[in-house]
Amino acid sequence: MEDCIFCKIVSGDGPKTNRKHIYEDEEIVVFPTLRPKAPIHLLVVPKAHIENVGMMKEEDIRLLGKMQWVARQVAEKMKIDDGFQLHTNSGKLGGQEVMHLHYHLTGGWKES
């Protein structure tokens, strides 16, 4: 999608920020969000453009499962695997802001 910011980021044509990819393979990229809501707040993004969970097709099942596996691996790498959140919003009415499927991986909170 020409106007999709995540498609631009994964292709390397996106805005030049200090965003460093935490993880990348041929299908998925993980990078920090620009507006963190937790001590660690990363986005797990498929390179293929899928608008959201509501628009996924049966052939996307393997990729979405892999995204969850990658999130778990990244949580371990970031040392938040003892407690993290993984969520996605689907559609504007579901709170989705960027219309490219992505998971928010958040964690890093300390016990009080």
Protein backbone atom coordinates (compact mmCIF):
# COMPACT_ATOMS: atom_id res chain seq x y z
CA MET A 1 0.00 0.00 0.00
CA GLU A 2 1.54 3.27 -1.14
CA ASP A 3 0.32 5.42 1.75
CA CYS A 4 0.81 2.88 4.57
CA ILE A 5 3.46 4.11 7.01
CA PHE A 6 4.26 0.58 8.22
CA CYS A 7 4.74 -0.65 4.63
CA LYS A 8 7.16 2.25 4.17
CA ILE A 9 9.01 1.47 7.40
CA VAL A 10 9.44 -2.24 6.62
CA SER A 11 10.63 -1.46 3.08
CA GLY A 12 13.14 1.10 4.37
CA ASP A 13 11.36 4.01 2.68
CA GLY A 14 9.72 5.30 5.86
CA PRO A 15 10.63 8.38 7.85
CA LYS A 16 14.20 8.37 9.06
CA THR A 17 13.98 8.19 12.83
CA ASN A 18 16.25 6.77 15.47
CA ARG A 19 14.11 3.62 15.41
CA LYS A 20 16.27 0.55 15.55
CA HIS A 21 14.81 -2.80 14.58
CA ILE A 22 14.87 -5.11 17.57
CA TYR A 23 14.15 -8.09 15.32
CA GLU A 24 13.79 -8.66 11.60
CA ASP A 25 13.42 -11.65 9.31
CA GLU A 26 11.90 -12.17 5.87
CA GLU A 27 8.32 -11.82 7.19
CA ILE A 28 8.31 -9.76 10.39
CA VAL A 29 9.95 -6.68 11.85
CA VAL A 30 9.89 -5.47 15.48
CA PHE A 31 10.71 -1.88 16.43
CA PRO A 32 9.96 0.62 19.22
CA THR A 33 6.84 2.75 18.95
CA LEU A 34 7.18 6.53 18.82
CA ARG A 35 4.53 6.91 21.55
CA PRO A 36 5.35 4.37 24.27
CA LYS A 37 2.72 3.52 26.87
CA ALA A 38 5.03 1.28 28.94
CA PRO A 39 8.72 1.14 29.87
CA ILE A 40 9.15 -1.22 26.89
CA HIS A 41 6.67 -0.76 24.04
CA LEU A 42 7.46 -2.46 20.75
CA LEU A 43 5.48 -3.05 17.56
CA VAL A 44 5.48 -6.49 15.95
CA VAL A 45 4.66 -5.90 12.28
CA PRO A 46 4.30 -8.31 9.35
CA LYS A 47 6.05 -7.16 6.21
CA ALA A 48 3.02 -8.25 4.17
CA HIS A 49 0.22 -5.71 4.25
CA ILE A 50 -2.75 -7.14 6.13
CA GLU A 51 -5.08 -4.38 7.27
CA ASN A 52 -6.13 -5.97 10.57
CA VAL A 53 -7.32 -9.20 12.19
CA GLY A 54 -10.80 -8.58 10.80
CA MET A 55 -9.36 -8.61 7.27
CA MET A 56 -7.07 -11.63 7.63
CA LYS A 57 -7.50 -14.65 5.40
CA GLU A 58 -7.04 -18.32 6.15
CA GLU A 59 -3.60 -18.25 4.50
CA ASP A 60 -2.51 -15.65 7.12
CA ILE A 61 -2.93 -18.07 10.05
CA ARG A 62 0.70 -19.26 9.99
CA LEU A 63 2.05 -15.70 9.83
CA LEU A 64 -0.07 -14.50 12.76
CA GLY A 65 1.05 -17.49 14.83
CA LYS A 66 4.65 -16.69 13.93
CA MET A 67 4.12 -13.06 15.02
CA GLN A 68 3.10 -14.30 18.46
CA TRP A 69 6.12 -16.61 18.62
CA VAL A 70 8.43 -13.73 17.61
CA ALA A 71 6.82 -11.53 20.29
CA ARG A 72 7.58 -14.18 22.90
CA GLN A 73 11.20 -14.46 21.69
CA VAL A 74 11.63 -10.66 21.75
CA ALA A 75 10.09 -10.51 25.25
CA GLU A 76 12.75 -12.96 26.39
CA LYS A 77 15.51 -10.95 24.66
CA MET A 78 14.25 -7.75 26.34
CA LYS A 79 14.03 -9.57 29.70
CA ILE A 80 10.30 -8.96 30.11
CA ASP A 81 9.18 -12.56 29.60
CA ASP A 82 8.15 -12.76 33.26
CA GLY A 83 5.23 -10.43 32.48
CA PHE A 84 4.19 -8.64 29.30
CA GLN A 85 1.13 -7.73 27.27
CA LEU A 86 0.55 -8.52 23.61
CA HIS A 87 -2.44 -6.94 21.95
CA THR A 88 -3.83 -5.64 18.71
CA ASN A 89 -6.68 -3.37 17.76
CA SER A 90 -8.84 -4.23 14.76
CA GLY A 91 -10.53 -1.47 12.76
CA LYS A 92 -11.14 2.17 13.58
CA LEU A 93 -13.99 1.29 15.94
CA GLY A 94 -11.59 -1.09 17.72
CA GLY A 95 -9.07 1.70 18.28
CA GLN A 96 -6.72 0.89 15.39
CA GLU A 97 -4.79 3.97 14.24
CA VAL A 98 -2.45 2.55 11.60
CA MET A 99 -4.34 0.34 9.16
CA HIS A 100 -1.63 -2.31 8.94
CA LEU A 101 -1.90 -5.28 11.30
CA HIS A 102 0.50 -5.01 14.23
CA TYR A 103 0.82 -6.25 17.78
CA HIS A 104 1.82 -4.02 20.67
CA LEU A 105 4.32 -5.80 22.92
CA THR A 106 4.48 -3.95 26.23
CA GLY A 107 6.24 -4.69 29.49
CA GLY A 108 9.05 -3.70 31.78
CA TRP A 109 6.96 -2.69 34.76
CA LYS A 110 8.52 -3.13 38.20
CA GLU A 111 6.87 -4.69 41.20
CA SER A 112 6.08 -2.26 43.96
